[in-house]
Amino acid sequence: MGCGGEAGSDDATDRAAELNRLRGVLSEARDLPDGFSARPRNGWRAPFQAVDEDCRLVLDAAGGRPPKRALGARAAVTYQGDGVGELAGFGLASYGGDDAALHFGELAEALGGCPVARAPVAGRGTALRVSDLDLGWVGDGVQARRLNGRLNGYPYEIHLVFALSGHTLISLVHAGVRDVDAARTGQLARLLVDQVDQVGQADEADEAGA
């Protein structure tokens, strides 16, 4: 029992350290595009639960519920923009082994299998059609989609971006009423991915020098 308790303590310490690392990354990602508040809020939550399994998987992953297998730690913040209902949600989840890459592949596949995200209750006027979203260069293998349609009968748009950096799964949501600026989504995505990459490279350098 003593050995088990000690291992559990080590695991808890590792998770706490990783959580602090992810929070530190997000705290550094403050050079937001003009019009965004510098004050972070709690992580973004999907405004509805999609009926389709693939659509639900990607919205859950972006909305604070990333895949659980081998999940080490997760952290998320949301910033308010000056557009109508505009929000930018940053999410990070770290995994052991190759699970981050495996989950990223699952999300990429799910994005391809989600043509329309619909709410489970008919008649609520919630259906967002999914299409490709061109952000220019963000990083290798980055997945980006535009969800456009109506949320509870009102015009709404969500940009979803997923990226991978080492053992960290990165998610970005840029959402708002009516048209959401893809150029701003690209700025936000590059900011977040660059910050995660920089911290990862610094950690590797520290380990190599230890």
N, C-alpha and C. Protein backbone atom coordinates (compact mmCIF):
# COMPACT_ATOMS: atom_id res chain seq x y z
N MET A 1 0.84 -1.20 0.00
CA MET A 1 0.00 0.00 0.00
C MET A 1 0.87 1.25 0.00
N GLY A 2 2.03 1.16 0.70
CA GLY A 2 2.90 2.31 0.73
C GLY A 2 3.42 2.66 -0.65
N CYS A 3 3.79 1.61 -1.43
CA CYS A 3 4.29 1.87 -2.79
C CYS A 3 3.20 2.48 -3.65
N GLY A 4 1.97 1.96 -3.51
CA GLY A 4 0.87 2.50 -4.31
C GLY A 4 0.61 3.94 -3.98
N GLY A 5 0.67 4.27 -2.69
CA GLY A 5 0.42 5.66 -2.29
C GLY A 5 1.49 6.57 -2.84
N GLU A 6 2.73 6.10 -2.82
CA GLU A 6 3.83 6.94 -3.31
C GLU A 6 3.70 7.18 -4.81
N ALA A 7 3.31 6.13 -5.57
CA ALA A 7 3.13 6.29 -7.02
C ALA A 7 2.01 7.27 -7.31
N GLY A 8 0.91 7.15 -6.51
CA GLY A 8 -0.21 8.07 -6.72
C GLY A 8 0.21 9.50 -6.46
N SER A 9 1.04 9.70 -5.43
CA SER A 9 1.52 11.04 -5.11
C SER A 9 2.38 11.59 -6.26
N ASP A 10 3.25 10.73 -6.81
CA ASP A 10 4.08 11.16 -7.94
C ASP A 10 3.22 11.53 -9.13
N ASP A 11 2.18 10.71 -9.40
CA ASP A 11 1.29 10.99 -10.52
C ASP A 11 0.59 12.33 -10.32
N ALA A 12 0.12 12.57 -9.10
CA ALA A 12 -0.57 13.83 -8.81
C ALA A 12 0.37 15.01 -8.97
N THR A 13 1.62 14.84 -8.54
CA THR A 13 2.61 15.90 -8.68
C THR A 13 2.89 16.19 -10.15
N ASP A 14 3.01 15.13 -10.94
CA ASP A 14 3.26 15.30 -12.37
C ASP A 14 2.09 16.01 -13.04
N ARG A 15 0.87 15.61 -12.68
CA ARG A 15 -0.31 16.26 -13.28
C ARG A 15 -0.37 17.74 -12.90
N ALA A 16 -0.07 18.04 -11.63
CA ALA A 16 -0.08 19.43 -11.19
C ALA A 16 0.97 20.25 -11.92
N ALA A 17 2.15 19.67 -12.11
CA ALA A 17 3.21 20.38 -12.83
C ALA A 17 2.82 20.62 -14.28
N GLU A 18 2.19 19.62 -14.90
CA GLU A 18 1.78 19.77 -16.29
C GLU A 18 0.65 20.79 -16.42
N LEU A 19 -0.26 20.80 -15.47
CA LEU A 19 -1.34 21.78 -15.48
C LEU A 19 -0.77 23.19 -15.37
N ASN A 20 0.20 23.37 -14.49
CA ASN A 20 0.84 24.68 -14.36
C ASN A 20 1.54 25.09 -15.65
N ARG A 21 2.15 24.10 -16.33
CA ARG A 21 2.82 24.40 -17.60
C ARG A 21 1.81 24.89 -18.64
N LEU A 22 0.69 24.19 -18.76
CA LEU A 22 -0.33 24.59 -19.74
C LEU A 22 -0.91 25.96 -19.40
N ARG A 23 -1.16 26.19 -18.13
CA ARG A 23 -1.67 27.51 -17.73
C ARG A 23 -0.65 28.61 -18.02
N GLY A 24 0.62 28.28 -17.84
CA GLY A 24 1.67 29.25 -18.15
C GLY A 24 1.72 29.59 -19.62
N VAL A 25 1.52 28.57 -20.47
CA VAL A 25 1.48 28.82 -21.92
C VAL A 25 0.34 29.78 -22.25
N LEU A 26 -0.83 29.51 -21.69
CA LEU A 26 -1.99 30.35 -21.99
C LEU A 26 -1.81 31.77 -21.45
N SER A 27 -1.14 31.89 -20.32
CA SER A 27 -0.94 33.23 -19.74
C SER A 27 0.01 34.07 -20.59
N GLU A 28 0.89 33.39 -21.36
CA GLU A 28 1.82 34.11 -22.23
C GLU A 28 1.19 34.50 -23.56
N ALA A 29 0.10 33.82 -23.92
CA ALA A 29 -0.54 34.08 -25.23
C ALA A 29 -1.49 35.26 -25.10
N ARG A 30 -0.95 36.44 -24.86
CA ARG A 30 -1.76 37.62 -24.59
C ARG A 30 -1.71 38.65 -25.71
N ASP A 31 -0.90 38.44 -26.73
CA ASP A 31 -0.77 39.41 -27.81
C ASP A 31 -1.90 39.22 -28.80
N LEU A 32 -3.12 39.50 -28.33
CA LEU A 32 -4.32 39.23 -29.10
C LEU A 32 -4.55 40.29 -30.17
N PRO A 33 -5.29 39.95 -31.23
CA PRO A 33 -5.64 40.97 -32.24
C PRO A 33 -6.43 42.11 -31.61
N ASP A 34 -6.39 43.26 -32.25
CA ASP A 34 -7.13 44.43 -31.76
C ASP A 34 -8.60 44.08 -31.57
N GLY A 35 -9.17 44.60 -30.50
CA GLY A 35 -10.59 44.39 -30.26
C GLY A 35 -10.89 43.31 -29.26
N PHE A 36 -9.88 42.51 -28.87
CA PHE A 36 -10.10 41.46 -27.87
C PHE A 36 -9.70 41.96 -26.49
N SER A 37 -10.53 41.62 -25.51
CA SER A 37 -10.21 41.93 -24.13
C SER A 37 -8.98 41.15 -23.70
N ALA A 38 -8.13 41.76 -22.88
CA ALA A 38 -6.94 41.08 -22.36
C ALA A 38 -7.27 40.28 -21.11
N ARG A 39 -8.52 40.33 -20.67
CA ARG A 39 -8.90 39.64 -19.44
C ARG A 39 -9.49 38.27 -19.77
N PRO A 40 -8.83 37.19 -19.35
CA PRO A 40 -9.33 35.86 -19.68
C PRO A 40 -10.54 35.47 -18.86
N ARG A 41 -11.42 34.71 -19.49
CA ARG A 41 -12.56 34.11 -18.80
C ARG A 41 -12.38 32.60 -18.77
N ASN A 42 -13.37 31.90 -18.23
CA ASN A 42 -13.34 30.45 -18.23
C ASN A 42 -13.36 29.93 -19.67
N GLY A 43 -12.96 28.67 -19.83
CA GLY A 43 -12.89 28.08 -21.16
C GLY A 43 -14.23 28.08 -21.89
N TRP A 44 -14.15 28.06 -23.22
CA TRP A 44 -15.35 28.06 -24.07
C TRP A 44 -16.12 26.77 -23.90
N ARG A 45 -17.44 26.86 -23.96
CA ARG A 45 -18.31 25.69 -23.94
C ARG A 45 -19.20 25.70 -25.18
N ALA A 46 -19.36 24.55 -25.78
CA ALA A 46 -20.22 24.46 -26.96
C ALA A 46 -21.64 24.86 -26.59
N PRO A 47 -22.33 25.65 -27.43
CA PRO A 47 -23.68 26.13 -27.09
C PRO A 47 -24.77 25.07 -27.24
N PHE A 48 -24.42 23.90 -27.78
CA PHE A 48 -25.39 22.80 -27.90
C PHE A 48 -24.62 21.50 -28.06
N GLN A 49 -25.31 20.39 -27.81
CA GLN A 49 -24.70 19.08 -28.01
C GLN A 49 -25.18 18.52 -29.34
N ALA A 50 -24.26 18.29 -30.23
CA ALA A 50 -24.61 17.85 -31.58
C ALA A 50 -25.15 16.42 -31.57
N VAL A 51 -26.08 16.15 -32.48
CA VAL A 51 -26.66 14.83 -32.61
C VAL A 51 -25.64 13.84 -33.19
N ASP A 52 -24.98 14.26 -34.26
CA ASP A 52 -24.02 13.39 -34.94
C ASP A 52 -22.80 13.14 -34.05
N GLU A 53 -22.35 11.89 -34.00
CA GLU A 53 -21.24 11.53 -33.11
C GLU A 53 -19.95 12.26 -33.48
N ASP A 54 -19.65 12.36 -34.78
CA ASP A 54 -18.42 13.05 -35.19
C ASP A 54 -18.48 14.53 -34.84
N CYS A 55 -19.62 15.16 -35.09
CA CYS A 55 -19.76 16.58 -34.76
C CYS A 55 -19.66 16.79 -33.26
N ARG A 56 -20.25 15.89 -32.50
CA ARG A 56 -20.20 16.00 -31.04
C ARG A 56 -18.77 15.85 -30.54
N LEU A 57 -18.00 14.95 -31.15
CA LEU A 57 -16.62 14.74 -30.73
C LEU A 57 -15.79 16.01 -30.88
N VAL A 58 -15.90 16.68 -32.03
CA VAL A 58 -15.07 17.86 -32.26
C VAL A 58 -15.53 19.05 -31.42
N LEU A 59 -16.84 19.20 -31.24
CA LEU A 59 -17.33 20.31 -30.41
C LEU A 59 -16.99 20.08 -28.95
N ASP A 60 -17.07 18.83 -28.50
CA ASP A 60 -16.67 18.53 -27.12
C ASP A 60 -15.19 18.81 -26.91
N ALA A 61 -14.36 18.38 -27.88
CA ALA A 61 -12.91 18.58 -27.75
C ALA A 61 -12.56 20.05 -27.68
N ALA A 62 -13.25 20.87 -28.47
CA ALA A 62 -13.00 22.31 -28.47
C ALA A 62 -13.63 23.00 -27.26
N GLY A 63 -14.63 22.35 -26.67
CA GLY A 63 -15.38 22.97 -25.58
C GLY A 63 -15.02 22.46 -24.20
N GLY A 64 -13.75 22.10 -24.00
CA GLY A 64 -13.30 21.76 -22.66
C GLY A 64 -13.41 20.31 -22.29
N ARG A 65 -13.82 19.45 -23.25
CA ARG A 65 -13.89 18.02 -22.96
C ARG A 65 -13.11 17.25 -24.02
N PRO A 66 -11.77 17.37 -23.99
CA PRO A 66 -10.94 16.66 -24.97
C PRO A 66 -10.98 15.16 -24.71
N PRO A 67 -10.53 14.34 -25.66
CA PRO A 67 -10.50 12.88 -25.45
C PRO A 67 -9.79 12.53 -24.15
N LYS A 68 -10.34 11.54 -23.42
CA LYS A 68 -9.85 11.24 -22.07
C LYS A 68 -8.68 10.26 -22.04
N ARG A 69 -8.54 9.42 -23.07
CA ARG A 69 -7.52 8.38 -23.01
C ARG A 69 -6.12 8.97 -22.86
N ALA A 70 -5.43 8.61 -21.78
CA ALA A 70 -4.06 9.06 -21.48
C ALA A 70 -3.97 10.56 -21.27
N LEU A 71 -5.08 11.21 -20.93
CA LEU A 71 -5.07 12.65 -20.69
C LEU A 71 -4.28 12.96 -19.43
N GLY A 72 -3.29 13.85 -19.55
CA GLY A 72 -2.50 14.24 -18.39
C GLY A 72 -3.05 15.48 -17.71
N ALA A 73 -3.29 16.53 -18.50
CA ALA A 73 -3.80 17.79 -17.95
C ALA A 73 -4.46 18.57 -19.07
N ARG A 74 -5.33 19.47 -18.71
CA ARG A 74 -5.97 20.34 -19.71
C ARG A 74 -6.20 21.71 -19.09
N ALA A 75 -6.17 22.73 -19.94
CA ALA A 75 -6.40 24.10 -19.48
C ALA A 75 -7.04 24.88 -20.62
N ALA A 76 -7.87 25.84 -20.28
CA ALA A 76 -8.58 26.59 -21.31
C ALA A 76 -8.93 27.98 -20.80
N VAL A 77 -8.98 28.94 -21.71
CA VAL A 77 -9.42 30.30 -21.42
C VAL A 77 -10.23 30.82 -22.60
N THR A 78 -11.03 31.83 -22.36
CA THR A 78 -11.81 32.48 -23.41
C THR A 78 -11.62 33.98 -23.31
N TYR A 79 -11.52 34.63 -24.47
CA TYR A 79 -11.41 36.09 -24.52
C TYR A 79 -12.59 36.64 -25.32
N GLN A 80 -13.13 37.76 -24.85
CA GLN A 80 -14.25 38.40 -25.54
C GLN A 80 -13.73 39.39 -26.57
N GLY A 81 -14.33 39.33 -27.78
CA GLY A 81 -13.98 40.27 -28.82
C GLY A 81 -14.99 41.39 -28.92
N ASP A 82 -14.74 42.34 -29.83
CA ASP A 82 -15.64 43.48 -29.95
C ASP A 82 -16.73 43.28 -30.99
N GLY A 83 -16.74 42.12 -31.67
CA GLY A 83 -17.83 41.79 -32.57
C GLY A 83 -19.05 41.33 -31.79
N VAL A 84 -20.20 41.25 -32.46
CA VAL A 84 -21.42 40.84 -31.78
C VAL A 84 -21.30 39.37 -31.36
N GLY A 85 -21.30 39.15 -30.05
CA GLY A 85 -21.19 37.80 -29.52
C GLY A 85 -19.86 37.14 -29.79
N GLU A 86 -18.82 37.92 -30.09
CA GLU A 86 -17.54 37.35 -30.49
C GLU A 86 -16.76 36.82 -29.29
N LEU A 87 -16.29 35.57 -29.42
CA LEU A 87 -15.48 34.92 -28.40
C LEU A 87 -14.34 34.16 -29.06
N ALA A 88 -13.20 34.13 -28.39
CA ALA A 88 -12.07 33.30 -28.83
C ALA A 88 -11.70 32.39 -27.67
N GLY A 89 -11.80 31.09 -27.89
CA GLY A 89 -11.50 30.12 -26.86
C GLY A 89 -10.23 29.34 -27.17
N PHE A 90 -9.26 29.37 -26.25
CA PHE A 90 -8.01 28.63 -26.38
C PHE A 90 -8.08 27.40 -25.48
N GLY A 91 -7.70 26.24 -26.01
CA GLY A 91 -7.69 25.03 -25.21
C GLY A 91 -6.42 24.21 -25.44
N LEU A 92 -5.85 23.67 -24.37
CA LEU A 92 -4.66 22.82 -24.44
C LEU A 92 -4.92 21.56 -23.64
N ALA A 93 -4.50 20.41 -24.20
CA ALA A 93 -4.60 19.14 -23.49
C ALA A 93 -3.32 18.36 -23.75
N SER A 94 -2.69 17.86 -22.70
CA SER A 94 -1.44 17.11 -22.86
C SER A 94 -1.69 15.63 -22.59
N TYR A 95 -0.93 14.80 -23.31
CA TYR A 95 -1.13 13.35 -23.25
C TYR A 95 0.21 12.65 -23.11
N GLY A 96 0.14 11.39 -22.67
CA GLY A 96 1.34 10.58 -22.60
C GLY A 96 1.55 9.81 -23.89
N GLY A 97 2.79 9.44 -24.13
CA GLY A 97 3.12 8.63 -25.30
C GLY A 97 2.69 9.26 -26.60
N ASP A 98 2.10 8.43 -27.48
CA ASP A 98 1.67 8.90 -28.79
C ASP A 98 0.19 9.26 -28.82
N ASP A 99 -0.44 9.35 -27.66
CA ASP A 99 -1.89 9.53 -27.64
C ASP A 99 -2.33 10.89 -28.16
N ALA A 100 -1.52 11.93 -28.01
CA ALA A 100 -1.90 13.24 -28.56
C ALA A 100 -2.03 13.15 -30.07
N ALA A 101 -1.06 12.48 -30.72
CA ALA A 101 -1.12 12.32 -32.18
C ALA A 101 -2.30 11.45 -32.59
N LEU A 102 -2.58 10.41 -31.81
CA LEU A 102 -3.72 9.54 -32.12
C LEU A 102 -5.03 10.30 -32.01
N HIS A 103 -5.18 11.08 -30.95
CA HIS A 103 -6.40 11.87 -30.78
C HIS A 103 -6.53 12.93 -31.87
N PHE A 104 -5.41 13.53 -32.25
CA PHE A 104 -5.46 14.52 -33.32
C PHE A 104 -5.95 13.88 -34.61
N GLY A 105 -5.47 12.67 -34.90
CA GLY A 105 -5.95 11.95 -36.08
C GLY A 105 -7.43 11.64 -36.00
N GLU A 106 -7.92 11.27 -34.81
CA GLU A 106 -9.34 11.00 -34.62
C GLU A 106 -10.18 12.25 -34.86
N LEU A 107 -9.69 13.38 -34.38
CA LEU A 107 -10.42 14.64 -34.57
C LEU A 107 -10.44 15.05 -36.04
N ALA A 108 -9.31 14.87 -36.73
CA ALA A 108 -9.26 15.19 -38.15
C ALA A 108 -10.25 14.33 -38.93
N GLU A 109 -10.32 13.06 -38.57
CA GLU A 109 -11.28 12.16 -39.23
C GLU A 109 -12.71 12.57 -38.91
N ALA A 110 -12.97 12.94 -37.66
CA ALA A 110 -14.31 13.35 -37.26
C ALA A 110 -14.74 14.62 -37.98
N LEU A 111 -13.82 15.55 -38.16
CA LEU A 111 -14.15 16.77 -38.91
C LEU A 111 -14.59 16.43 -40.33
N GLY A 112 -13.94 15.45 -40.93
CA GLY A 112 -14.34 15.03 -42.27
C GLY A 112 -15.67 14.33 -42.31
N GLY A 113 -16.12 13.80 -41.16
CA GLY A 113 -17.40 13.09 -41.10
C GLY A 113 -18.53 13.91 -40.52
N CYS A 114 -18.34 15.22 -40.44
CA CYS A 114 -19.36 16.10 -39.85
C CYS A 114 -19.77 17.17 -40.87
N PRO A 115 -20.74 16.88 -41.73
CA PRO A 115 -21.17 17.87 -42.73
C PRO A 115 -22.06 18.97 -42.15
N VAL A 116 -22.88 18.60 -41.16
CA VAL A 116 -23.79 19.57 -40.53
C VAL A 116 -23.90 19.22 -39.05
N ALA A 117 -23.68 20.23 -38.18
CA ALA A 117 -23.84 20.04 -36.74
C ALA A 117 -25.23 20.51 -36.35
N ARG A 118 -26.03 19.57 -35.83
CA ARG A 118 -27.41 19.89 -35.46
C ARG A 118 -27.65 19.62 -33.98
N ALA A 119 -28.59 20.39 -33.41
CA ALA A 119 -28.99 20.16 -32.03
C ALA A 119 -29.91 18.95 -31.96
N PRO A 120 -29.99 18.27 -30.79
CA PRO A 120 -30.78 17.05 -30.70
C PRO A 120 -32.29 17.26 -30.75
N VAL A 121 -32.77 18.46 -30.45
CA VAL A 121 -34.21 18.72 -30.40
C VAL A 121 -34.63 19.43 -31.68
N ALA A 122 -35.52 18.79 -32.43
CA ALA A 122 -36.01 19.39 -33.69
C ALA A 122 -36.84 20.64 -33.39
N GLY A 123 -36.80 21.58 -34.30
CA GLY A 123 -37.61 22.78 -34.18
C GLY A 123 -36.96 23.92 -33.44
N ARG A 124 -35.73 23.70 -32.92
CA ARG A 124 -35.03 24.77 -32.20
C ARG A 124 -34.28 25.70 -33.15
N GLY A 125 -34.19 25.35 -34.42
CA GLY A 125 -33.50 26.21 -35.38
C GLY A 125 -32.01 26.24 -35.20
N THR A 126 -31.40 25.10 -34.82
CA THR A 126 -29.96 25.03 -34.64
C THR A 126 -29.37 24.02 -35.62
N ALA A 127 -28.68 24.54 -36.62
CA ALA A 127 -28.00 23.71 -37.61
C ALA A 127 -26.87 24.54 -38.21
N LEU A 128 -25.65 24.03 -38.12
CA LEU A 128 -24.48 24.74 -38.63
C LEU A 128 -23.81 23.86 -39.68
N ARG A 129 -23.77 24.35 -40.92
CA ARG A 129 -23.13 23.60 -42.00
C ARG A 129 -21.62 23.77 -41.92
N VAL A 130 -20.90 22.67 -42.12
CA VAL A 130 -19.45 22.65 -41.97
C VAL A 130 -18.78 22.74 -43.33
N SER A 131 -17.78 23.62 -43.43
CA SER A 131 -17.03 23.78 -44.67
C SER A 131 -15.56 24.05 -44.35
N ASP A 132 -14.71 23.95 -45.37
CA ASP A 132 -13.28 24.21 -45.18
C ASP A 132 -13.05 25.67 -44.82
N LEU A 133 -11.98 25.91 -44.08
CA LEU A 133 -11.62 27.27 -43.67
C LEU A 133 -10.15 27.48 -43.97
N ASP A 134 -9.86 28.40 -44.86
CA ASP A 134 -8.48 28.69 -45.26
C ASP A 134 -7.91 29.78 -44.37
N LEU A 135 -6.89 29.41 -43.58
CA LEU A 135 -6.26 30.37 -42.67
C LEU A 135 -4.86 30.75 -43.11
N GLY A 136 -4.42 30.26 -44.28
CA GLY A 136 -3.03 30.46 -44.64
C GLY A 136 -2.16 29.56 -43.79
N TRP A 137 -0.87 29.88 -43.69
CA TRP A 137 0.04 29.03 -42.95
C TRP A 137 -0.13 29.21 -41.45
N VAL A 138 -0.41 28.12 -40.76
CA VAL A 138 -0.47 28.10 -39.30
C VAL A 138 0.53 27.09 -38.75
N GLY A 139 0.58 25.91 -39.35
CA GLY A 139 1.49 24.86 -38.92
C GLY A 139 1.22 23.60 -39.69
N ASP A 140 2.09 22.64 -39.57
CA ASP A 140 1.94 21.37 -40.27
C ASP A 140 0.68 20.63 -39.82
N GLY A 141 -0.13 20.21 -40.78
CA GLY A 141 -1.28 19.36 -40.48
C GLY A 141 -2.41 20.01 -39.73
N VAL A 142 -2.41 21.33 -39.61
CA VAL A 142 -3.47 22.00 -38.85
C VAL A 142 -4.82 21.78 -39.55
N GLN A 143 -5.84 21.49 -38.75
CA GLN A 143 -7.19 21.27 -39.26
C GLN A 143 -8.07 22.46 -38.89
N ALA A 144 -8.76 23.03 -39.88
CA ALA A 144 -9.61 24.19 -39.64
C ALA A 144 -10.92 24.04 -40.40
N ARG A 145 -12.02 24.37 -39.74
CA ARG A 145 -13.33 24.29 -40.36
C ARG A 145 -14.19 25.49 -39.95
N ARG A 146 -15.11 25.85 -40.85
CA ARG A 146 -16.10 26.89 -40.58
C ARG A 146 -17.46 26.23 -40.37
N LEU A 147 -18.14 26.55 -39.28
CA LEU A 147 -19.51 26.08 -39.03
C LEU A 147 -20.41 27.30 -39.11
N ASN A 148 -21.29 27.31 -40.09
CA ASN A 148 -22.10 28.50 -40.34
C ASN A 148 -23.57 28.11 -40.49
N GLY A 149 -24.44 28.86 -39.83
CA GLY A 149 -25.86 28.59 -39.95
C GLY A 149 -26.65 29.34 -38.90
N ARG A 150 -27.49 28.60 -38.16
CA ARG A 150 -28.32 29.24 -37.15
C ARG A 150 -28.23 28.50 -35.82
N LEU A 151 -28.19 29.30 -34.76
CA LEU A 151 -28.18 28.79 -33.39
C LEU A 151 -29.44 29.31 -32.70
N ASN A 152 -30.35 28.39 -32.38
CA ASN A 152 -31.65 28.78 -31.79
C ASN A 152 -32.35 29.82 -32.66
N GLY A 153 -32.20 29.67 -33.97
CA GLY A 153 -32.88 30.54 -34.92
C GLY A 153 -32.12 31.79 -35.31
N TYR A 154 -31.00 32.09 -34.65
CA TYR A 154 -30.24 33.30 -34.93
C TYR A 154 -28.98 32.96 -35.73
N PRO A 155 -28.55 33.86 -36.62
CA PRO A 155 -27.32 33.61 -37.39
C PRO A 155 -26.14 33.41 -36.44
N TYR A 156 -25.32 32.41 -36.75
CA TYR A 156 -24.18 32.12 -35.88
C TYR A 156 -23.09 31.43 -36.69
N GLU A 157 -21.85 31.68 -36.29
CA GLU A 157 -20.72 31.07 -36.98
C GLU A 157 -19.65 30.68 -35.97
N ILE A 158 -19.06 29.51 -36.19
CA ILE A 158 -17.98 29.02 -35.35
C ILE A 158 -16.82 28.59 -36.24
N HIS A 159 -15.63 29.05 -35.92
CA HIS A 159 -14.41 28.54 -36.56
C HIS A 159 -13.73 27.60 -35.59
N LEU A 160 -13.45 26.38 -36.03
CA LEU A 160 -12.75 25.39 -35.21
C LEU A 160 -11.38 25.13 -35.80
N VAL A 161 -10.37 25.15 -34.95
CA VAL A 161 -8.99 24.88 -35.38
C VAL A 161 -8.37 23.90 -34.39
N PHE A 162 -7.77 22.83 -34.93
CA PHE A 162 -7.05 21.86 -34.12
C PHE A 162 -5.62 21.74 -34.64
N ALA A 163 -4.67 21.67 -33.71
CA ALA A 163 -3.26 21.53 -34.08
C ALA A 163 -2.58 20.63 -33.07
N LEU A 164 -1.39 20.16 -33.44
CA LEU A 164 -0.62 19.27 -32.58
C LEU A 164 0.78 19.82 -32.41
N SER A 165 1.26 19.85 -31.16
CA SER A 165 2.62 20.26 -30.87
C SER A 165 3.20 19.31 -29.84
N GLY A 166 4.03 18.38 -30.29
CA GLY A 166 4.58 17.39 -29.37
C GLY A 166 3.48 16.56 -28.75
N HIS A 167 3.41 16.57 -27.41
CA HIS A 167 2.39 15.81 -26.69
C HIS A 167 1.17 16.66 -26.34
N THR A 168 1.06 17.83 -26.95
CA THR A 168 -0.02 18.76 -26.61
C THR A 168 -0.99 18.92 -27.78
N LEU A 169 -2.26 18.69 -27.49
CA LEU A 169 -3.33 18.91 -28.46
C LEU A 169 -3.87 20.32 -28.27
N ILE A 170 -3.89 21.08 -29.35
CA ILE A 170 -4.28 22.49 -29.31
C ILE A 170 -5.64 22.67 -29.97
N SER A 171 -6.51 23.43 -29.34
CA SER A 171 -7.80 23.75 -29.96
C SER A 171 -8.06 25.24 -29.87
N LEU A 172 -8.67 25.75 -30.90
CA LEU A 172 -9.08 27.16 -30.94
C LEU A 172 -10.50 27.24 -31.46
N VAL A 173 -11.30 28.06 -30.80
CA VAL A 173 -12.65 28.38 -31.25
C VAL A 173 -12.73 29.89 -31.43
N HIS A 174 -13.23 30.31 -32.57
CA HIS A 174 -13.51 31.73 -32.79
C HIS A 174 -14.96 31.79 -33.27
N ALA A 175 -15.82 32.36 -32.43
CA ALA A 175 -17.25 32.29 -32.70
C ALA A 175 -17.90 33.65 -32.55
N GLY A 176 -19.07 33.79 -33.19
CA GLY A 176 -19.82 35.02 -33.06
C GLY A 176 -21.08 35.01 -33.90
N VAL A 177 -21.86 36.06 -33.76
CA VAL A 177 -23.08 36.22 -34.54
C VAL A 177 -22.72 36.72 -35.94
N ARG A 178 -23.36 36.14 -36.93
CA ARG A 178 -23.14 36.46 -38.34
C ARG A 178 -21.71 36.15 -38.75
N ASP A 179 -21.11 37.00 -39.57
CA ASP A 179 -19.80 36.68 -40.16
C ASP A 179 -18.68 36.82 -39.13
N VAL A 180 -17.86 35.77 -39.02
CA VAL A 180 -16.68 35.78 -38.16
C VAL A 180 -15.46 35.93 -39.07
N ASP A 181 -14.57 36.84 -38.73
CA ASP A 181 -13.44 37.20 -39.59
C ASP A 181 -12.38 36.08 -39.58
N ALA A 182 -12.20 35.45 -40.74
CA ALA A 182 -11.22 34.36 -40.85
C ALA A 182 -9.80 34.88 -40.66
N ALA A 183 -9.55 36.13 -41.03
CA ALA A 183 -8.20 36.70 -40.84
C ALA A 183 -7.86 36.76 -39.35
N ARG A 184 -8.83 37.15 -38.53
CA ARG A 184 -8.61 37.19 -37.09
C ARG A 184 -8.45 35.77 -36.53
N THR A 185 -9.19 34.82 -37.08
CA THR A 185 -9.02 33.44 -36.66
C THR A 185 -7.60 32.97 -36.95
N GLY A 186 -7.08 33.32 -38.12
CA GLY A 186 -5.71 32.97 -38.47
C GLY A 186 -4.70 33.59 -37.51
N GLN A 187 -4.91 34.86 -37.15
CA GLN A 187 -4.02 35.51 -36.19
C GLN A 187 -4.03 34.79 -34.85
N LEU A 188 -5.23 34.46 -34.37
CA LEU A 188 -5.36 33.78 -33.09
C LEU A 188 -4.70 32.40 -33.13
N ALA A 189 -4.91 31.68 -34.23
CA ALA A 189 -4.34 30.34 -34.35
C ALA A 189 -2.82 30.39 -34.37
N ARG A 190 -2.25 31.32 -35.13
CA ARG A 190 -0.79 31.42 -35.19
C ARG A 190 -0.21 31.83 -33.84
N LEU A 191 -0.90 32.73 -33.15
CA LEU A 191 -0.45 33.15 -31.82
C LEU A 191 -0.38 31.96 -30.87
N LEU A 192 -1.45 31.17 -30.84
CA LEU A 192 -1.51 30.06 -29.90
C LEU A 192 -0.51 28.96 -30.26
N VAL A 193 -0.47 28.56 -31.52
CA VAL A 193 0.44 27.50 -31.94
C VAL A 193 1.90 27.91 -31.73
N ASP A 194 2.23 29.15 -32.09
CA ASP A 194 3.61 29.63 -31.90
C ASP A 194 4.01 29.60 -30.43
N GLN A 195 3.09 30.01 -29.55
CA GLN A 195 3.41 30.05 -28.13
C GLN A 195 3.64 28.64 -27.58
N VAL A 196 2.80 27.69 -27.98
CA VAL A 196 2.98 26.31 -27.52
C VAL A 196 4.30 25.76 -28.05
N ASP A 197 4.59 26.01 -29.32
CA ASP A 197 5.85 25.53 -29.91
C ASP A 197 7.07 26.12 -29.19
N GLN A 198 7.02 27.41 -28.88
CA GLN A 198 8.15 28.07 -28.22
C GLN A 198 8.41 27.47 -26.83
N VAL A 199 7.33 27.25 -26.09
CA VAL A 199 7.48 26.68 -24.75
C VAL A 199 8.00 25.24 -24.85
N GLY A 200 7.50 24.49 -25.83
CA GLY A 200 7.97 23.12 -26.01
C GLY A 200 9.44 23.06 -26.36
N GLN A 201 9.89 23.96 -27.21
CA GLN A 201 11.30 24.00 -27.58
C GLN A 201 12.18 24.40 -26.39
N ALA A 202 11.69 25.33 -25.58
CA ALA A 202 12.44 25.73 -24.39
C ALA A 202 12.55 24.58 -23.39
N ASP A 203 11.47 23.82 -23.24
CA ASP A 203 11.50 22.68 -22.33
C ASP A 203 12.48 21.62 -22.81
N GLU A 204 12.50 21.37 -24.12
CA GLU A 204 13.45 20.40 -24.68
C GLU A 204 14.90 20.85 -24.47
N ALA A 205 15.13 22.14 -24.63
CA ALA A 205 16.48 22.66 -24.41
C ALA A 205 16.91 22.52 -22.95
N ASP A 206 15.96 22.76 -22.02
CA ASP A 206 16.27 22.61 -20.60
C ASP A 206 16.60 21.16 -20.26
N GLU A 207 15.82 20.22 -20.84
CA GLU A 207 16.06 18.81 -20.57
C GLU A 207 17.39 18.36 -21.13
N ALA A 208 17.74 18.89 -22.31
CA ALA A 208 19.02 18.52 -22.93
C ALA A 208 20.19 19.05 -22.12
N GLY A 209 20.00 20.20 -21.48
CA GLY A 209 21.09 20.80 -20.72
C GLY A 209 21.19 20.29 -19.29
N ALA A 210 20.15 19.56 -18.87
CA ALA A 210 20.15 19.06 -17.48
C ALA A 210 21.16 17.92 -17.29
